[in-house]
Amino acid sequence: MKIAGIYREKRFSNRAVDADKAIMDKALSCLRQKVKPSTEIDVFQAEEGISLSHLSGHDCVLSMAEHDGVLTQLQQMANNGVTVLNSVTSIQNCYRQRLSEILGKGTAKRDNLFYPHYVVLSTTDEIPENLPFHDGFWVKRGDFHAIRDNDVQFVAGPAALAREMQDYAARGISHVVCQENITGHIIKFYGVGNRFFSHRYMGMTGPDRYHLPAGQQPDDLDLDAIRKNAFIAAQKLGLVIYGGDCIVDAHGKLHFIDVNDWPSFRTCADEAAIAISDHVIDLFTRLSIAS
């Protein structure tokens, strides 16, 4: 057996280069403790232009990579039978416009899983006069997930949106997702399949997403529902290793505003690493890689 880990490219690790590296190292360390000595495990840094030809003989690749060139190679490997976690398709499903289309279509209201109302706009077209938002909204780059702070901005109205659209266009971003602002308690969550779940209470929503007053977690927060629906959202996207944010509004509705492939698991890295390694072990039990 051969297993490889690939660190996320540094330019895609917004504020999280060390944390991203740490969770991969922890997951691989757990694997080394559980598999036979004959199992080869290595790790390397993904960067633009890198070749993965040396991984053609590997059985499993744990990858945090985001660059198109790396993803193309990983997909070719998957087509040839290599297990890639997360899958390339699931990574691309987390790009904002595609994520909105997937989670915004046919969300199972019976499961209390909602996605905020959104519209997709071209950064070079005129802004519609009657956007269906009245209390401000979020504007997010559509072609990717957020890789820098100003990829997600709260705007109060069309004038502020026009300024942001100019900035996005200048950066070569052709489309943005404008999303309804949901008021409520924001929960950051982390998961590995349906075997591991962790959450962190972030406080009440506000226009500054980095300085939310945490306060005390509400006693009536339904963590079972959040866990269940986080897993449903991850399944819709095809993710095994995931994290994200949801908002619980005043009526108890769960609005999943973001789901990401392979987060850094900052507050639960040790437990997540065990779950990731156990998932790999389970995948290959029939090949007897465990010691």
Protein backbone atom coordinates (compact mmCIF):
# COMPACT_ATOMS: atom_id res chain seq x y z
CA MET A 1 0.00 0.00 0.00
CA LYS A 2 1.08 3.55 -0.76
CA ILE A 3 -0.61 6.61 0.74
CA ALA A 4 0.28 10.25 0.02
CA GLY A 5 -0.77 13.50 1.63
CA ILE A 6 -0.77 16.81 -0.23
CA TYR A 7 -0.68 20.12 1.64
CA ARG A 8 -2.90 22.96 0.41
CA GLU A 9 -1.14 25.57 -1.73
CA LYS A 10 -0.10 28.47 0.47
CA ARG A 11 -1.95 31.09 -1.56
CA PHE A 12 -5.22 29.22 -0.95
CA SER A 13 -4.70 28.98 2.83
CA ASN A 14 -6.15 32.30 3.93
CA ARG A 15 -4.82 32.91 7.47
CA ALA A 16 -4.36 29.16 7.90
CA VAL A 17 -1.09 27.94 6.36
CA ASP A 18 0.26 26.43 9.59
CA ALA A 19 -3.13 25.09 10.71
CA ASP A 20 -3.75 23.45 7.33
CA LYS A 21 -0.35 21.77 7.45
CA ALA A 22 -0.93 20.65 11.03
CA ILE A 23 -4.16 18.72 10.38
CA MET A 24 -2.62 16.85 7.44
CA ASP A 25 0.43 15.97 9.55
CA LYS A 26 -1.77 14.77 12.41
CA ALA A 27 -3.93 12.63 10.12
CA LEU A 28 -0.89 10.98 8.52
CA SER A 29 0.70 10.47 11.93
CA CYS A 30 -2.42 8.63 13.08
CA LEU A 31 -2.31 6.48 9.96
CA ARG A 32 1.35 5.57 10.52
CA GLN A 33 0.46 4.30 13.99
CA LYS A 34 -2.36 2.09 12.68
CA VAL A 35 -1.07 0.55 9.46
CA LYS A 36 1.49 -2.12 8.79
CA PRO A 37 5.15 -1.00 8.56
CA SER A 38 5.18 -2.01 4.91
CA THR A 39 2.62 0.73 4.10
CA GLU A 40 4.40 3.69 2.51
CA ILE A 41 3.17 7.12 3.62
CA ASP A 42 4.63 10.40 2.38
CA VAL A 43 3.55 14.03 2.12
CA PHE A 44 4.49 17.04 0.01
CA GLN A 45 3.49 20.60 -0.79
CA ALA A 46 1.27 21.27 -3.78
CA GLU A 47 2.13 24.31 -5.86
CA GLU A 48 1.25 25.55 -9.32
CA GLY A 49 2.93 23.50 -12.04
CA ILE A 50 3.77 20.52 -9.83
CA SER A 51 3.68 17.08 -11.42
CA LEU A 52 1.96 14.17 -9.66
CA SER A 53 3.39 11.52 -11.98
CA HIS A 54 5.32 9.96 -9.08
CA LEU A 55 1.97 9.17 -7.38
CA SER A 56 0.66 6.99 -10.19
CA GLY A 57 1.35 3.85 -8.16
CA HIS A 58 -0.32 5.09 -4.98
CA ASP A 59 -3.53 3.60 -3.62
CA CYS A 60 -4.82 6.63 -1.70
CA VAL A 61 -4.15 10.36 -1.82
CA LEU A 62 -5.32 12.67 0.95
CA SER A 63 -5.32 16.04 -0.73
CA MET A 64 -5.97 19.60 0.38
CA ALA A 65 -4.87 20.94 -3.03
CA GLU A 66 -6.97 23.56 -4.86
CA HIS A 67 -5.08 24.52 -8.02
CA ASP A 68 -6.75 23.52 -11.29
CA GLY A 69 -3.62 21.85 -12.62
CA VAL A 70 -3.28 19.67 -9.52
CA LEU A 71 -7.00 18.83 -9.49
CA THR A 72 -6.84 17.77 -13.14
CA GLN A 73 -4.06 15.32 -12.34
CA LEU A 74 -5.88 14.03 -9.27
CA GLN A 75 -8.99 13.40 -11.35
CA GLN A 76 -6.94 11.41 -13.86
CA MET A 77 -5.56 9.34 -10.99
CA ALA A 78 -9.08 8.78 -9.62
CA ASN A 79 -10.20 7.66 -13.06
CA ASN A 80 -7.44 5.05 -12.89
CA GLY A 81 -8.62 3.70 -9.55
CA VAL A 82 -6.74 5.80 -6.99
CA THR A 83 -8.84 6.83 -3.96
CA VAL A 84 -8.69 10.63 -3.61
CA LEU A 85 -10.07 12.34 -0.49
CA ASN A 86 -11.84 14.65 -0.94
CA SER A 87 -12.87 13.89 -4.51
CA VAL A 88 -12.10 16.51 -7.14
CA THR A 89 -15.79 16.93 -7.92
CA SER A 90 -16.63 17.60 -4.27
CA ILE A 91 -13.85 20.20 -4.04
CA GLN A 92 -15.22 21.99 -7.09
CA ASN A 93 -18.73 21.75 -5.67
CA CYS A 94 -17.58 24.06 -2.88
CA TYR A 95 -16.93 26.91 -5.34
CA ARG A 96 -19.50 29.51 -4.36
CA GLN A 97 -21.76 29.56 -7.41
CA ARG A 98 -21.84 25.79 -7.74
CA LEU A 99 -22.34 25.38 -3.99
CA SER A 100 -25.27 27.79 -4.13
CA GLU A 101 -26.84 25.90 -7.01
CA ILE A 102 -26.49 22.55 -5.20
CA LEU A 103 -27.59 23.58 -1.71
CA GLY A 104 -30.12 26.11 -2.97
CA LYS A 105 -31.95 23.58 -5.10
CA GLY A 106 -34.26 21.07 -3.47
CA THR A 107 -33.01 21.54 0.07
CA ALA A 108 -34.96 19.16 2.28
CA LYS A 109 -37.08 21.47 4.41
CA ARG A 110 -38.41 18.46 6.25
CA ASP A 111 -34.85 18.05 7.53
CA ASN A 112 -34.64 21.74 8.51
CA LEU A 113 -31.85 22.38 6.00
CA PHE A 114 -32.13 25.76 4.29
CA TYR A 115 -29.84 27.81 2.07
CA PRO A 116 -30.21 31.62 2.02
CA HIS A 117 -31.87 33.16 -1.03
CA TYR A 118 -29.27 34.28 -3.60
CA VAL A 119 -28.79 35.73 -7.06
CA VAL A 120 -25.77 35.44 -9.37
CA LEU A 121 -24.60 38.65 -11.04
CA SER A 122 -22.00 39.43 -13.67
CA THR A 123 -19.39 41.89 -12.43
CA THR A 124 -19.45 43.72 -15.77
CA ASP A 125 -23.23 44.08 -16.23
CA GLU A 126 -25.51 46.77 -14.87
CA ILE A 127 -26.73 46.09 -11.34
CA PRO A 128 -30.45 45.23 -11.30
CA GLU A 129 -32.59 47.99 -9.83
CA ASN A 130 -34.75 45.74 -7.67
CA LEU A 131 -32.52 43.24 -5.92
CA PRO A 132 -34.66 41.13 -3.57
CA PHE A 133 -32.73 42.15 -0.45
CA HIS A 134 -33.80 44.89 1.96
CA ASP A 135 -31.57 44.63 5.05
CA GLY A 136 -28.21 44.44 3.34
CA PHE A 137 -26.67 41.30 1.87
CA TRP A 138 -23.44 39.44 1.33
CA VAL A 139 -21.53 39.57 -1.94
CA LYS A 140 -19.17 36.65 -2.55
CA ARG A 141 -16.89 35.70 -5.41
CA GLY A 142 -18.65 33.09 -7.51
CA ASP A 143 -15.77 31.24 -9.15
CA PHE A 144 -14.12 29.91 -6.02
CA HIS A 145 -14.45 29.81 -2.27
CA ALA A 146 -13.00 32.69 -0.23
CA ILE A 147 -9.19 32.76 -0.42
CA ARG A 148 -8.74 36.33 0.85
CA ASP A 149 -10.70 38.51 3.24
CA ASN A 150 -12.39 40.70 0.63
CA ASP A 151 -13.76 37.70 -1.29
CA VAL A 152 -16.77 37.95 1.03
CA GLN A 153 -18.20 41.38 1.85
CA PHE A 154 -21.33 42.69 3.53
CA VAL A 155 -22.97 45.52 1.57
CA ALA A 156 -25.85 47.76 2.60
CA GLY A 157 -27.25 48.46 -0.84
CA PRO A 158 -26.68 48.97 -4.59
CA ALA A 159 -24.12 51.79 -4.22
CA ALA A 160 -21.87 49.70 -2.00
CA LEU A 161 -22.41 46.71 -4.28
CA ALA A 162 -21.29 48.74 -7.32
CA ARG A 163 -18.00 49.54 -5.60
CA GLU A 164 -17.42 45.90 -4.70
CA MET A 165 -18.28 44.76 -8.23
CA GLN A 166 -15.60 47.04 -9.63
CA ASP A 167 -13.06 45.46 -7.29
CA TYR A 168 -14.09 41.91 -8.22
CA ALA A 169 -13.97 42.75 -11.94
CA ALA A 170 -10.51 44.30 -11.55
CA ARG A 171 -9.34 41.02 -10.00
CA GLY A 172 -10.65 39.03 -12.95
CA ILE A 173 -13.69 37.61 -11.15
CA SER A 174 -16.54 37.45 -13.66
CA HIS A 175 -19.48 36.60 -11.38
CA VAL A 176 -20.51 37.09 -7.78
CA VAL A 177 -23.16 35.52 -5.59
CA CYS A 178 -25.33 38.02 -3.72
CA GLN A 179 -26.84 36.28 -0.73
CA GLU A 180 -29.55 37.14 1.77
CA ASN A 181 -28.31 38.25 5.20
CA ILE A 182 -29.65 35.83 7.83
CA THR A 183 -29.85 37.02 11.44
CA GLY A 184 -29.25 34.56 14.25
CA HIS A 185 -26.71 32.44 16.08
CA ILE A 186 -23.78 31.38 13.93
CA ILE A 187 -22.24 27.95 14.41
CA LYS A 188 -18.95 26.82 12.88
CA PHE A 189 -18.87 23.07 12.38
CA TYR A 190 -16.41 20.36 11.37
CA GLY A 191 -17.05 16.80 10.25
CA VAL A 192 -15.64 13.58 8.82
CA GLY A 193 -18.42 11.61 7.12
CA ASN A 194 -21.02 10.79 9.75
CA ARG A 195 -18.47 9.45 12.22
CA PHE A 196 -17.15 12.72 13.65
CA PHE A 197 -18.69 16.10 14.34
CA SER A 198 -17.54 19.12 16.30
CA HIS A 199 -18.93 22.64 16.58
CA ARG A 200 -17.95 26.07 17.87
CA TYR A 201 -20.46 28.73 18.85
CA MET A 202 -19.46 32.05 17.26
CA GLY A 203 -22.13 34.42 18.60
CA MET A 204 -24.77 36.47 16.81
CA THR A 205 -24.37 37.34 13.15
CA GLY A 206 -23.15 40.77 12.13
CA PRO A 207 -21.40 42.56 9.24
CA ASP A 208 -17.96 41.89 10.74
CA ARG A 209 -17.48 38.14 10.53
CA TYR A 210 -14.10 38.21 12.27
CA HIS A 211 -15.17 39.98 15.44
CA LEU A 212 -18.46 38.40 16.42
CA PRO A 213 -19.18 38.66 20.15
CA ALA A 214 -19.27 34.99 21.14
CA GLY A 215 -21.19 35.24 24.37
CA GLN A 216 -22.76 32.13 25.87
CA GLN A 217 -24.11 29.34 23.72
CA PRO A 218 -27.92 29.15 23.91
CA ASP A 219 -29.20 26.28 26.04
CA ASP A 220 -31.80 25.30 23.44
CA LEU A 221 -29.36 24.93 20.53
CA ASP A 222 -30.29 21.70 18.71
CA LEU A 223 -26.85 20.19 18.08
CA ASP A 224 -28.31 16.90 16.88
CA ALA A 225 -30.17 18.72 14.09
CA ILE A 226 -27.06 20.72 13.18
CA ARG A 227 -24.95 17.57 13.04
CA LYS A 228 -27.54 15.68 10.99
CA ASN A 229 -27.98 18.47 8.47
CA ALA A 230 -24.27 19.27 8.22
CA PHE A 231 -23.80 15.67 7.10
CA ILE A 232 -26.70 15.96 4.63
CA ALA A 233 -25.16 19.13 3.18
CA ALA A 234 -21.76 17.41 2.90
CA GLN A 235 -23.39 14.45 1.16
CA LYS A 236 -25.07 16.74 -1.35
CA LEU A 237 -21.64 18.16 -2.18
CA GLY A 238 -19.90 14.77 -2.13
CA LEU A 239 -17.59 15.67 0.77
CA VAL A 240 -16.10 13.28 3.31
CA ILE A 241 -13.83 15.74 5.15
CA TYR A 242 -15.61 19.06 5.61
CA GLY A 243 -16.44 22.12 7.67
CA GLY A 244 -18.65 25.15 7.37
CA ASP A 245 -21.00 27.65 8.95
CA CYS A 246 -24.71 27.61 9.67
CA ILE A 247 -27.02 30.15 11.25
CA VAL A 248 -29.89 29.30 13.58
CA ASP A 249 -32.53 32.01 13.19
CA ALA A 250 -35.13 33.13 15.73
CA HIS A 251 -37.52 30.41 14.55
CA GLY A 252 -34.97 27.62 14.91
CA LYS A 253 -34.41 27.23 11.16
CA LEU A 254 -30.93 26.09 10.13
CA HIS A 255 -29.42 28.11 7.28
CA PHE A 256 -26.22 26.55 5.92
CA ILE A 257 -24.33 29.53 4.53
CA ASP A 258 -21.02 27.83 3.75
CA VAL A 259 -19.51 24.34 3.46
CA ASN A 260 -15.82 23.82 2.72
CA ASP A 261 -13.64 20.91 1.69
CA TRP A 262 -11.02 19.86 4.23
CA PRO A 263 -10.85 22.77 6.72
CA SER A 264 -8.02 23.15 9.22
CA PHE A 265 -10.08 21.78 12.16
CA ARG A 266 -8.44 24.39 14.41
CA THR A 267 -10.39 23.56 17.56
CA CYS A 268 -10.58 19.79 17.15
CA ALA A 269 -7.58 18.72 15.08
CA ASP A 270 -6.57 15.74 17.23
CA GLU A 271 -10.04 14.18 17.17
CA ALA A 272 -10.52 14.93 13.46
CA ALA A 273 -7.15 13.37 12.59
CA ILE A 274 -8.20 10.13 14.29
CA ALA A 275 -11.50 10.13 12.38
CA ILE A 276 -9.76 10.79 9.04
CA SER A 277 -7.28 7.97 9.61
CA ASP A 278 -10.09 5.62 10.70
CA HIS A 279 -12.01 6.46 7.53
CA VAL A 280 -9.00 5.53 5.38
CA ILE A 281 -8.52 2.31 7.35
CA ASP A 282 -12.17 1.39 6.81
CA LEU A 283 -11.89 2.06 3.08
CA PHE A 284 -9.00 -0.36 2.75
CA THR A 285 -9.85 -2.95 5.39
CA ARG A 286 -10.30 -5.58 2.71
CA LEU A 287 -6.67 -4.98 1.71
CA SER A 288 -5.47 -5.57 5.28
CA ILE A 289 -3.37 -2.46 5.68
CA ALA A 290 -4.04 -2.26 9.41
CA SER A 291 -1.44 -3.66 11.78
